[in-house]
Amino acid sequence: MLIRDCVVSIIQATKELDALGVASVEAALAEYRMNGGALFLLSVADPMSITHNKSHIARLVSETEALVAVLGDGHSRDKIADFLGTGGVGYISTSLSAEVVVGSLRLMLAGGTFVPAEILLTSTPGKVQLTPQLSQFNCTLTKQQAAVLAALSEGKANKAIANDLNIDVGTVKACVRTLIKKLEVRNRTEVALIVAHERQLGGAVEAVFS
């Protein structure tokens, strides 16, 4: 209850966004049916709880037109990636500042996807290999694919990428599929992870694939 009230207060203080705290998914759905809403922020104890809340997340995604994000205090990259694969648009860590939390909500409402950088740049527990550098991949990308790759690393949605690059959404989706295949990853979140790691090392997408 304390976390819920604090998050609501932080959002209300922006004077731009409105928020309502409720105690359950059922209450959230009831409120949505009466008054609508743009985004659900589901509070979980840690990313492991995302798995236990899959049925709740599925209901929020399927029974409404609102976005769904998670607030938690863990750093399991695989669990978070799994959540994003169910239709979620972001994971907000309780280690973030109030300013970053509000900024991440704005990003998600604008059509982006948010995951804290420290999670993207953390190796999966139990594995010792580091995130590979882009230069290690034996593949070449077109300028369009490189541009889509850069946009993915910023958490942009397909529609936003299409608008920025002046191409249709279908072309963006095709580029994303190609990137996933060429970089030998499972989803767009892992694509973003590789690019984020490259930038941390001082590299650039354009330099690697020029």
C-alpha atoms as a PDB file:
ATOM      1  CA  MET A   1       0.000   0.000   0.000  1.00  0.00           C
ATOM      2  CA  LEU A   2       2.847   2.397   0.840  1.00  0.00           C
ATOM      3  CA  ILE A   3       4.560   1.831  -2.527  1.00  0.00           C
ATOM      4  CA  ARG A   4       1.242   2.240  -4.345  1.00  0.00           C
ATOM      5  CA  ASP A   5       0.445   5.504  -2.577  1.00  0.00           C
ATOM      6  CA  CYS A   6       3.960   6.853  -3.180  1.00  0.00           C
ATOM      7  CA  VAL A   7       3.864   6.081  -6.900  1.00  0.00           C
ATOM      8  CA  VAL A   8       0.437   7.686  -7.257  1.00  0.00           C
ATOM      9  CA  SER A   9       1.669  10.804  -5.425  1.00  0.00           C
ATOM     10  CA  ILE A  10       4.752  11.037  -7.654  1.00  0.00           C
ATOM     11  CA  ILE A  11       2.632  10.827 -10.799  1.00  0.00           C
ATOM     12  CA  GLN A  12       0.032  13.294  -9.542  1.00  0.00           C
ATOM     13  CA  ALA A  13       2.801  15.782  -8.696  1.00  0.00           C
ATOM     14  CA  THR A  14       3.677  16.119 -12.397  1.00  0.00           C
ATOM     15  CA  LYS A  15       0.389  17.995 -12.980  1.00  0.00           C
ATOM     16  CA  GLU A  16       0.399  16.288 -16.411  1.00  0.00           C
ATOM     17  CA  LEU A  17      -0.439  12.669 -15.675  1.00  0.00           C
ATOM     18  CA  ASP A  18      -3.288  11.330 -13.575  1.00  0.00           C
ATOM     19  CA  ALA A  19      -3.133   8.130 -11.546  1.00  0.00           C
ATOM     20  CA  LEU A  20      -5.354   5.990  -9.334  1.00  0.00           C
ATOM     21  CA  GLY A  21      -4.141   3.283  -6.968  1.00  0.00           C
ATOM     22  CA  VAL A  22      -6.176   0.090  -6.568  1.00  0.00           C
ATOM     23  CA  ALA A  23      -5.552  -3.071  -4.573  1.00  0.00           C
ATOM     24  CA  SER A  24      -6.218  -5.770  -7.162  1.00  0.00           C
ATOM     25  CA  VAL A  25      -6.448  -6.598 -10.846  1.00  0.00           C
ATOM     26  CA  GLU A  26     -10.209  -7.028 -10.465  1.00  0.00           C
ATOM     27  CA  ALA A  27     -10.510  -3.517  -9.040  1.00  0.00           C
ATOM     28  CA  ALA A  28      -8.328  -2.169 -11.848  1.00  0.00           C
ATOM     29  CA  LEU A  29     -10.505  -3.808 -14.500  1.00  0.00           C
ATOM     30  CA  ALA A  30     -13.676  -2.503 -12.839  1.00  0.00           C
ATOM     31  CA  GLU A  31     -12.248   1.033 -12.779  1.00  0.00           C
ATOM     32  CA  TYR A  32     -11.197   0.708 -16.431  1.00  0.00           C
ATOM     33  CA  ARG A  33     -14.700  -0.369 -17.478  1.00  0.00           C
ATOM     34  CA  MET A  34     -16.187   2.689 -15.777  1.00  0.00           C
ATOM     35  CA  ASN A  35     -13.632   5.382 -16.546  1.00  0.00           C
ATOM     36  CA  GLY A  36     -11.090   3.984 -19.002  1.00  0.00           C
ATOM     37  CA  GLY A  37      -7.338   4.320 -18.654  1.00  0.00           C
ATOM     38  CA  ALA A  38      -4.131   4.426 -20.672  1.00  0.00           C
ATOM     39  CA  LEU A  39      -1.706   2.271 -18.691  1.00  0.00           C
ATOM     40  CA  PHE A  40      -1.712  -0.310 -15.888  1.00  0.00           C
ATOM     41  CA  LEU A  41       1.344  -0.445 -13.625  1.00  0.00           C
ATOM     42  CA  LEU A  42       1.322  -3.791 -11.827  1.00  0.00           C
ATOM     43  CA  SER A  43       3.419  -3.905  -8.651  1.00  0.00           C
ATOM     44  CA  VAL A  44       5.225  -7.218  -8.018  1.00  0.00           C
ATOM     45  CA  ALA A  45       7.720  -8.215  -5.334  1.00  0.00           C
ATOM     46  CA  ASP A  46      10.396  -9.199  -7.857  1.00  0.00           C
ATOM     47  CA  PRO A  47      10.669 -10.390 -11.475  1.00  0.00           C
ATOM     48  CA  MET A  48      10.072 -13.984 -10.343  1.00  0.00           C
ATOM     49  CA  SER A  49       6.551 -12.883  -9.405  1.00  0.00           C
ATOM     50  CA  ILE A  50       5.924 -11.920 -13.032  1.00  0.00           C
ATOM     51  CA  THR A  51       5.565 -15.625 -13.825  1.00  0.00           C
ATOM     52  CA  HIS A  52       3.024 -16.058 -11.024  1.00  0.00           C
ATOM     53  CA  ASN A  53       1.097 -13.033 -12.304  1.00  0.00           C
ATOM     54  CA  LYS A  54       0.949 -14.137 -15.945  1.00  0.00           C
ATOM     55  CA  SER A  55      -2.784 -14.792 -15.808  1.00  0.00           C
ATOM     56  CA  HIS A  56      -3.402 -11.301 -14.403  1.00  0.00           C
ATOM     57  CA  ILE A  57      -1.158  -9.740 -17.042  1.00  0.00           C
ATOM     58  CA  ALA A  58      -2.917 -11.691 -19.800  1.00  0.00           C
ATOM     59  CA  ARG A  59      -6.288 -10.386 -18.595  1.00  0.00           C
ATOM     60  CA  LEU A  60      -5.126  -6.790 -18.528  1.00  0.00           C
ATOM     61  CA  VAL A  61      -3.719  -7.150 -22.054  1.00  0.00           C
ATOM     62  CA  SER A  62      -6.672  -9.019 -23.543  1.00  0.00           C
ATOM     63  CA  GLU A  63      -9.617  -7.346 -21.789  1.00  0.00           C
ATOM     64  CA  THR A  64      -8.528  -3.738 -22.238  1.00  0.00           C
ATOM     65  CA  GLU A  65      -6.855  -1.487 -24.773  1.00  0.00           C
ATOM     66  CA  ALA A  66      -4.508  -0.072 -22.121  1.00  0.00           C
ATOM     67  CA  LEU A  67      -0.759  -0.614 -21.904  1.00  0.00           C
ATOM     68  CA  VAL A  68       0.654  -2.890 -19.181  1.00  0.00           C
ATOM     69  CA  ALA A  69       3.911  -2.320 -17.290  1.00  0.00           C
ATOM     70  CA  VAL A  70       5.425  -3.816 -14.141  1.00  0.00           C
ATOM     71  CA  LEU A  71       6.981  -2.176 -11.069  1.00  0.00           C
ATOM     72  CA  GLY A  72       9.351  -4.411  -9.102  1.00  0.00           C
ATOM     73  CA  ASP A  73      12.564  -4.588  -7.089  1.00  0.00           C
ATOM     74  CA  GLY A  74      14.425  -7.419  -8.823  1.00  0.00           C
ATOM     75  CA  HIS A  75      16.787  -7.648 -11.775  1.00  0.00           C
ATOM     76  CA  SER A  76      16.051 -10.929 -13.574  1.00  0.00           C
ATOM     77  CA  ARG A  77      16.553 -10.034 -17.222  1.00  0.00           C
ATOM     78  CA  ASP A  78      15.074 -13.287 -18.529  1.00  0.00           C
ATOM     79  CA  LYS A  79      11.865 -12.899 -16.514  1.00  0.00           C
ATOM     80  CA  ILE A  80      11.499  -9.294 -17.655  1.00  0.00           C
ATOM     81  CA  ALA A  81      12.101 -10.269 -21.285  1.00  0.00           C
ATOM     82  CA  ASP A  82       9.467 -12.986 -20.876  1.00  0.00           C
ATOM     83  CA  PHE A  83       7.014 -10.389 -19.573  1.00  0.00           C
ATOM     84  CA  LEU A  84       7.680  -8.095 -22.530  1.00  0.00           C
ATOM     85  CA  GLY A  85       6.982 -11.065 -24.782  1.00  0.00           C
ATOM     86  CA  THR A  86       3.456 -11.329 -23.345  1.00  0.00           C
ATOM     87  CA  GLY A  87       2.635  -7.805 -24.484  1.00  0.00           C
ATOM     88  CA  GLY A  88       4.070  -5.716 -21.659  1.00  0.00           C
ATOM     89  CA  VAL A  89       5.619  -2.371 -22.520  1.00  0.00           C
ATOM     90  CA  GLY A  90       8.070  -1.847 -19.682  1.00  0.00           C
ATOM     91  CA  TYR A  91       9.647  -2.750 -16.361  1.00  0.00           C
ATOM     92  CA  ILE A  92      10.235  -0.043 -13.737  1.00  0.00           C
ATOM     93  CA  SER A  93      12.697  -0.890 -10.978  1.00  0.00           C
ATOM     94  CA  THR A  94      12.170   0.454  -7.453  1.00  0.00           C
ATOM     95  CA  SER A  95      15.842   1.480  -7.536  1.00  0.00           C
ATOM     96  CA  LEU A  96      15.036   4.283  -9.997  1.00  0.00           C
ATOM     97  CA  SER A  97      14.513   7.905  -9.010  1.00  0.00           C
ATOM     98  CA  ALA A  98      11.076   9.525  -9.109  1.00  0.00           C
ATOM     99  CA  GLU A  99      12.164  11.609 -12.101  1.00  0.00           C
ATOM    100  CA  VAL A 100      13.192   8.535 -14.105  1.00  0.00           C
ATOM    101  CA  VAL A 101       9.979   6.717 -13.158  1.00  0.00           C
ATOM    102  CA  VAL A 102       7.864   9.573 -14.503  1.00  0.00           C
ATOM    103  CA  GLY A 103      10.041   9.800 -17.615  1.00  0.00           C
ATOM    104  CA  SER A 104       9.672   6.063 -18.263  1.00  0.00           C
ATOM    105  CA  LEU A 105       5.885   6.340 -17.985  1.00  0.00           C
ATOM    106  CA  ARG A 106       5.895   9.184 -20.517  1.00  0.00           C
ATOM    107  CA  LEU A 107       8.009   7.045 -22.858  1.00  0.00           C
ATOM    108  CA  MET A 108       5.637   4.085 -22.613  1.00  0.00           C
ATOM    109  CA  LEU A 109       2.577   6.268 -23.119  1.00  0.00           C
ATOM    110  CA  ALA A 110       4.255   7.694 -26.228  1.00  0.00           C
ATOM    111  CA  GLY A 111       4.625   4.203 -27.685  1.00  0.00           C
ATOM    112  CA  GLY A 112       8.067   3.168 -26.435  1.00  0.00           C
ATOM    113  CA  THR A 113       9.332   0.270 -24.322  1.00  0.00           C
ATOM    114  CA  PHE A 114      11.289   0.846 -21.129  1.00  0.00           C
ATOM    115  CA  VAL A 115      13.742  -1.388 -19.270  1.00  0.00           C
ATOM    116  CA  PRO A 116      16.391   0.110 -16.932  1.00  0.00           C
ATOM    117  CA  ALA A 117      19.889   0.141 -18.431  1.00  0.00           C
ATOM    118  CA  GLU A 118      21.395  -1.648 -15.426  1.00  0.00           C
ATOM    119  CA  ILE A 119      19.135  -4.632 -16.150  1.00  0.00           C
ATOM    120  CA  LEU A 120      19.910  -4.725 -19.862  1.00  0.00           C
ATOM    121  CA  LEU A 121      23.626  -4.601 -19.109  1.00  0.00           C
ATOM    122  CA  THR A 122      23.560  -7.306 -16.432  1.00  0.00           C
ATOM    123  CA  SER A 123      24.605 -10.840 -17.319  1.00  0.00           C
ATOM    124  CA  THR A 124      22.001 -13.516 -16.808  1.00  0.00           C
ATOM    125  CA  PRO A 125      22.481 -15.196 -13.366  1.00  0.00           C
ATOM    126  CA  GLY A 126      24.354 -18.477 -13.631  1.00  0.00           C
ATOM    127  CA  LYS A 127      26.007 -17.592 -16.925  1.00  0.00           C
ATOM    128  CA  VAL A 128      29.516 -16.255 -17.226  1.00  0.00           C
ATOM    129  CA  GLN A 129      29.584 -15.042 -20.823  1.00  0.00           C
ATOM    130  CA  LEU A 130      29.383 -11.309 -21.417  1.00  0.00           C
ATOM    131  CA  THR A 131      27.082  -9.597 -23.842  1.00  0.00           C
ATOM    132  CA  PRO A 132      28.775  -9.899 -27.247  1.00  0.00           C
ATOM    133  CA  GLN A 133      29.977  -6.861 -29.143  1.00  0.00           C
ATOM    134  CA  LEU A 134      28.338  -6.081 -32.472  1.00  0.00           C
ATOM    135  CA  SER A 135      31.680  -6.480 -34.233  1.00  0.00           C
ATOM    136  CA  GLN A 136      31.760 -10.157 -33.214  1.00  0.00           C
ATOM    137  CA  PHE A 137      28.791 -11.011 -35.414  1.00  0.00           C
ATOM    138  CA  ASN A 138      29.586 -12.321 -38.870  1.00  0.00           C
ATOM    139  CA  CYS A 139      26.852 -10.371 -40.635  1.00  0.00           C
ATOM    140  CA  THR A 140      26.240  -7.168 -42.501  1.00  0.00           C
ATOM    141  CA  LEU A 141      23.252  -4.880 -42.302  1.00  0.00           C
ATOM    142  CA  THR A 142      21.751  -2.446 -44.750  1.00  0.00           C
ATOM    143  CA  LYS A 143      21.549   1.224 -43.750  1.00  0.00           C
ATOM    144  CA  GLN A 144      17.825   0.754 -43.137  1.00  0.00           C
ATOM    145  CA  GLN A 145      18.383  -2.246 -40.864  1.00  0.00           C
ATOM    146  CA  ALA A 146      21.072  -0.345 -38.943  1.00  0.00           C
ATOM    147  CA  ALA A 147      18.674   2.587 -38.504  1.00  0.00           C
ATOM    148  CA  VAL A 148      15.973   0.254 -37.172  1.00  0.00           C
ATOM    149  CA  LEU A 149      18.556  -1.350 -34.872  1.00  0.00           C
ATOM    150  CA  ALA A 150      19.486   2.046 -33.436  1.00  0.00           C
ATOM    151  CA  ALA A 151      15.808   2.917 -32.909  1.00  0.00           C
ATOM    152  CA  LEU A 152      15.159  -0.405 -31.140  1.00  0.00           C
ATOM    153  CA  SER A 153      17.921   0.381 -28.665  1.00  0.00           C
ATOM    154  CA  GLU A 154      16.007   3.537 -27.707  1.00  0.00           C
ATOM    155  CA  GLY A 155      12.905   1.525 -26.851  1.00  0.00           C
ATOM    156  CA  LYS A 156      10.850   2.835 -29.761  1.00  0.00           C
ATOM    157  CA  ALA A 157       7.734   0.984 -30.913  1.00  0.00           C
ATOM    158  CA  ASN A 158       7.357  -0.184 -34.527  1.00  0.00           C
ATOM    159  CA  LYS A 159       4.954   2.623 -35.415  1.00  0.00           C
ATOM    160  CA  ALA A 160       7.284   5.283 -34.017  1.00  0.00           C
ATOM    161  CA  ILE A 161      10.232   3.791 -35.922  1.00  0.00           C
ATOM    162  CA  ALA A 162       8.200   3.764 -39.130  1.00  0.00           C
ATOM    163  CA  ASN A 163       7.297   7.422 -38.692  1.00  0.00           C
ATOM    164  CA  ASP A 164      10.877   8.446 -37.902  1.00  0.00           C
ATOM    165  CA  LEU A 165      12.352   6.588 -40.889  1.00  0.00           C
ATOM    166  CA  ASN A 166       9.446   7.355 -43.246  1.00  0.00           C
ATOM    167  CA  ILE A 167       8.783   3.680 -43.992  1.00  0.00           C
ATOM    168  CA  ASP A 168       5.742   1.502 -43.398  1.00  0.00           C
ATOM    169  CA  VAL A 169       5.229  -0.596 -40.267  1.00  0.00           C
ATOM    170  CA  GLY A 170       5.452  -3.818 -42.278  1.00  0.00           C
ATOM    171  CA  THR A 171       8.975  -2.919 -43.370  1.00  0.00           C
ATOM    172  CA  VAL A 172       9.953  -2.234 -39.761  1.00  0.00           C
ATOM    173  CA  LYS A 173       8.604  -5.626 -38.677  1.00  0.00           C
ATOM    174  CA  ALA A 174      10.555  -7.317 -41.475  1.00  0.00           C
ATOM    175  CA  CYS A 175      13.749  -5.529 -40.383  1.00  0.00           C
ATOM    176  CA  VAL A 176      13.195  -6.586 -36.769  1.00  0.00           C
ATOM    177  CA  ARG A 177      12.775 -10.226 -37.811  1.00  0.00           C
ATOM    178  CA  THR A 178      15.966  -9.984 -39.873  1.00  0.00           C
ATOM    179  CA  LEU A 179      17.894  -8.442 -36.979  1.00  0.00           C
ATOM    180  CA  ILE A 180      16.735 -11.151 -34.576  1.00  0.00           C
ATOM    181  CA  LYS A 181      17.879 -13.799 -37.042  1.00  0.00           C
ATOM    182  CA  LYS A 182      21.223 -12.188 -37.918  1.00  0.00           C
ATOM    183  CA  LEU A 183      22.153 -11.393 -34.324  1.00  0.00           C
ATOM    184  CA  GLU A 184      21.010 -14.861 -33.224  1.00  0.00           C
ATOM    185  CA  VAL A 185      18.813 -13.628 -30.373  1.00  0.00           C
ATOM    186  CA  ARG A 186      15.270 -14.478 -29.238  1.00  0.00           C
ATOM    187  CA  ASN A 187      13.505 -11.134 -29.264  1.00  0.00           C
ATOM    188  CA  ARG A 188      13.826  -7.370 -29.773  1.00  0.00           C
ATOM    189  CA  THR A 189      14.768  -6.839 -26.113  1.00  0.00           C
ATOM    190  CA  GLU A 190      17.952  -8.873 -26.582  1.00  0.00           C
ATOM    191  CA  VAL A 191      18.696  -6.892 -29.744  1.00  0.00           C
ATOM    192  CA  ALA A 192      18.495  -3.697 -27.681  1.00  0.00           C
ATOM    193  CA  LEU A 193      20.767  -5.283 -25.054  1.00  0.00           C
ATOM    194  CA  ILE A 194      23.545  -5.844 -27.583  1.00  0.00           C
ATOM    195  CA  VAL A 195      23.372  -2.257 -28.832  1.00  0.00           C
ATOM    196  CA  ALA A 196      23.297  -0.841 -25.296  1.00  0.00           C
ATOM    197  CA  HIS A 197      26.407  -2.856 -24.462  1.00  0.00           C
ATOM    198  CA  GLU A 198      28.174  -1.593 -27.591  1.00  0.00           C
ATOM    199  CA  ARG A 199      27.440   2.009 -26.643  1.00  0.00           C
ATOM    200  CA  GLN A 200      28.684   1.424 -23.105  1.00  0.00           C
ATOM    201  CA  LEU A 201      31.970   0.327 -24.655  1.00  0.00           C
ATOM    202  CA  GLY A 202      32.079   3.506 -26.699  1.00  0.00           C
ATOM    203  CA  GLY A 203      31.074   1.946 -30.000  1.00  0.00           C
ATOM    204  CA  ALA A 204      28.386   2.953 -32.454  1.00  0.00           C
ATOM    205  CA  VAL A 205      25.944   1.028 -34.603  1.00  0.00           C
ATOM    206  CA  GLU A 206      26.836   3.049 -37.677  1.00  0.00           C
ATOM    207  CA  ALA A 207      30.573   2.449 -37.210  1.00  0.00           C
ATOM    208  CA  VAL A 208      30.204  -1.307 -36.823  1.00  0.00           C
ATOM    209  CA  PHE A 209      27.991  -1.797 -39.832  1.00  0.00           C
ATOM    210  CA  SER A 210      29.320   0.910 -42.166  1.00  0.00           C
END
